[in-house]
C-alpha atoms as a PDB file:
ATOM      1  CA  MET A   1     114.956 127.482  78.981  1.00  0.00           C
ATOM      2  CA  PHE A   2     118.169 125.517  79.224  1.00  0.00           C
ATOM      3  CA  LYS A   3     118.093 121.765  79.258  1.00  0.00           C
ATOM      4  CA  ASP A   4     119.691 121.768  82.736  1.00  0.00           C
ATOM      5  CA  ASP A   5     116.805 123.850  84.105  1.00  0.00           C
ATOM      6  CA  ILE A   6     114.253 121.086  83.639  1.00  0.00           C
ATOM      7  CA  TYR A   7     113.491 118.886  86.653  1.00  0.00           C
ATOM      8  CA  SER A   8     114.235 115.215  86.156  1.00  0.00           C
ATOM      9  CA  TYR A   9     113.766 112.716  88.968  1.00  0.00           C
ATOM     10  CA  GLN A  10     116.313 110.381  87.379  1.00  0.00           C
ATOM     11  CA  ASN A  11     118.951 113.138  87.521  1.00  0.00           C
ATOM     12  CA  GLU A  12     118.089 114.291  91.046  1.00  0.00           C
ATOM     13  CA  ARG A  13     117.529 110.890  92.698  1.00  0.00           C
ATOM     14  CA  PRO A  14     121.235 110.086  93.311  1.00  0.00           C
ATOM     15  CA  LYS A  15     121.600 113.353  95.255  1.00  0.00           C
ATOM     16  CA  ILE A  16     119.194 112.196  97.956  1.00  0.00           C
ATOM     17  CA  PHE A  17     121.355 109.195  98.829  1.00  0.00           C
ATOM     18  CA  ASN A  18     124.628 110.855  99.735  1.00  0.00           C
ATOM     19  CA  GLU A  19     125.984 110.897 103.280  1.00  0.00           C
ATOM     20  CA  ASP A  20     124.593 114.310 104.186  1.00  0.00           C
ATOM     21  CA  SER A  21     121.128 113.725 102.751  1.00  0.00           C
ATOM     22  CA  HIS A  22     120.012 110.805 104.914  1.00  0.00           C
ATOM     23  CA  LYS A  23     119.341 113.163 107.829  1.00  0.00           C
ATOM     24  CA  ILE A  24     117.116 115.283 105.579  1.00  0.00           C
ATOM     25  CA  LEU A  25     115.232 112.170 104.438  1.00  0.00           C
ATOM     26  CA  PHE A  26     114.467 111.241 108.045  1.00  0.00           C
ATOM     27  CA  GLN A  27     113.425 114.793 108.927  1.00  0.00           C
ATOM     28  CA  VAL A  28     111.063 114.937 105.958  1.00  0.00           C
ATOM     29  CA  ARG A  29     109.675 111.460 106.703  1.00  0.00           C
ATOM     30  CA  ASP A  30     108.954 112.524 110.283  1.00  0.00           C
ATOM     31  CA  GLY A  31     107.323 115.732 109.032  1.00  0.00           C
ATOM     32  CA  ILE A  32     105.152 113.730 106.645  1.00  0.00           C
ATOM     33  CA  ARG A  33     104.026 111.428 109.431  1.00  0.00           C
ATOM     34  CA  TYR A  34     103.226 114.357 111.704  1.00  0.00           C
ATOM     35  CA  LEU A  35     101.256 116.224 109.038  1.00  0.00           C
ATOM     36  CA  SER A  36      99.377 113.095 108.045  1.00  0.00           C
ATOM     37  CA  TYR A  37      98.528 112.320 111.649  1.00  0.00           C
ATOM     38  CA  LYS A  38      97.336 115.862 112.381  1.00  0.00           C
ATOM     39  CA  ALA A  39      95.493 116.644 109.137  1.00  0.00           C
ATOM     40  CA  GLY A  40      95.149 113.427 107.124  1.00  0.00           C
ATOM     41  CA  ALA A  41      96.702 115.075 104.058  1.00  0.00           C
ATOM     42  CA  PHE A  42      99.348 117.686 103.374  1.00  0.00           C
ATOM     43  CA  VAL A  43     100.656 120.009 100.677  1.00  0.00           C
ATOM     44  CA  GLY A  44     104.076 118.812  99.508  1.00  0.00           C
ATOM     45  CA  HIS A  45     106.108 121.851 100.471  1.00  0.00           C
ATOM     46  CA  LYS A  46     104.800 121.668 104.079  1.00  0.00           C
ATOM     47  CA  ALA A  47     106.846 118.493 104.623  1.00  0.00           C
ATOM     48  CA  PHE A  48     109.990 120.638 104.456  1.00  0.00           C
ATOM     49  CA  TYR A  49     109.055 123.018 107.268  1.00  0.00           C
ATOM     50  CA  ASN A  50     112.207 123.670 109.346  1.00  0.00           C
ATOM     51  CA  VAL A  51     114.273 121.394 107.070  1.00  0.00           C
ATOM     52  CA  ASN A  52     117.286 122.937 105.373  1.00  0.00           C
ATOM     53  CA  THR A  53     117.498 121.667 101.777  1.00  0.00           C
ATOM     54  CA  PRO A  54     119.811 122.676  98.916  1.00  0.00           C
ATOM     55  CA  ASP A  55     117.072 123.537  96.387  1.00  0.00           C
ATOM     56  CA  THR A  56     113.525 122.831  95.231  1.00  0.00           C
ATOM     57  CA  TYR A  57     114.623 120.129  92.782  1.00  0.00           C
ATOM     58  CA  PHE A  58     116.069 118.248  95.739  1.00  0.00           C
ATOM     59  CA  GLU A  59     112.758 118.636  97.602  1.00  0.00           C
ATOM     60  CA  ARG A  60     110.785 117.392  94.608  1.00  0.00           C
ATOM     61  CA  ALA A  61     113.117 114.397  94.320  1.00  0.00           C
ATOM     62  CA  ILE A  62     112.512 113.515  97.971  1.00  0.00           C
ATOM     63  CA  LEU A  63     108.747 113.645  97.492  1.00  0.00           C
ATOM     64  CA  ASP A  64     109.043 111.587  94.295  1.00  0.00           C
ATOM     65  CA  TYR A  65     111.188 109.056  96.164  1.00  0.00           C
ATOM     66  CA  PHE A  66     108.583 108.692  98.925  1.00  0.00           C
ATOM     67  CA  VAL A  67     105.936 108.180  96.230  1.00  0.00           C
ATOM     68  CA  GLU A  68     108.178 105.588  94.555  1.00  0.00           C
ATOM     69  CA  ILE A  69     108.518 103.548  97.766  1.00  0.00           C
ATOM     70  CA  HIS A  70     104.773 103.931  98.510  1.00  0.00           C
ATOM     71  CA  GLU A  71     105.347 105.943 101.676  1.00  0.00           C
ATOM     72  CA  ILE A  72     102.983 108.633 100.308  1.00  0.00           C
ATOM     73  CA  VAL A  73     100.456 108.948  97.487  1.00  0.00           C
ATOM     74  CA  GLU A  74      99.809 112.116  95.519  1.00  0.00           C
ATOM     75  CA  VAL A  75      96.042 112.614  95.358  1.00  0.00           C
ATOM     76  CA  SER A  76      95.958 116.019  93.687  1.00  0.00           C
ATOM     77  CA  SER A  77      98.769 117.295  91.551  1.00  0.00           C
ATOM     78  CA  GLN A  78      99.743 120.598  90.101  1.00  0.00           C
ATOM     79  CA  VAL A  79     101.165 120.342  86.598  1.00  0.00           C
ATOM     80  CA  ASP A  80     104.944 119.808  86.884  1.00  0.00           C
ATOM     81  CA  ASP A  81     105.081 120.883  90.507  1.00  0.00           C
ATOM     82  CA  SER A  82     104.832 118.175  93.138  1.00  0.00           C
ATOM     83  CA  LEU A  83     105.710 120.688  95.872  1.00  0.00           C
ATOM     84  CA  ASN A  84     102.170 122.051  95.609  1.00  0.00           C
ATOM     85  CA  GLY A  85     100.480 118.678  95.200  1.00  0.00           C
ATOM     86  CA  ILE A  86      98.364 117.148  97.955  1.00  0.00           C
ATOM     87  CA  PHE A  87      99.639 113.930  99.499  1.00  0.00           C
ATOM     88  CA  VAL A  88      98.362 111.287 101.908  1.00  0.00           C
ATOM     89  CA  VAL A  89      99.981 108.360 103.664  1.00  0.00           C
ATOM     90  CA  PRO A  90      98.297 105.243 102.196  1.00  0.00           C
ATOM     91  CA  SER A  91      98.128 103.429 105.554  1.00  0.00           C
ATOM     92  CA  ARG A  92      99.052 104.113 109.139  1.00  0.00           C
ATOM     93  CA  ARG A  93     102.803 103.476 109.122  1.00  0.00           C
ATOM     94  CA  TYR A  94     103.559 105.130 112.439  1.00  0.00           C
END
């Protein structure tokens, strides 16, 4: 495996703050709120339903960012794959 093929939040984080990505952040945030409201918890990749993203590293970085700002909490993780982890919203923020 090449060094560039390994996910790194520090390397991917700047990509989620460019001009085109803010719309994706809002779409994912709204999806997270909807899923949390309807089910109480959600699998990471479900937050990207109907959201067009460049790649899975970008999606993982968005989930990691929402964890970083305490918008969501990962309660069950899959080793090295946050897209299949289970998340909850720590408090009603909507």
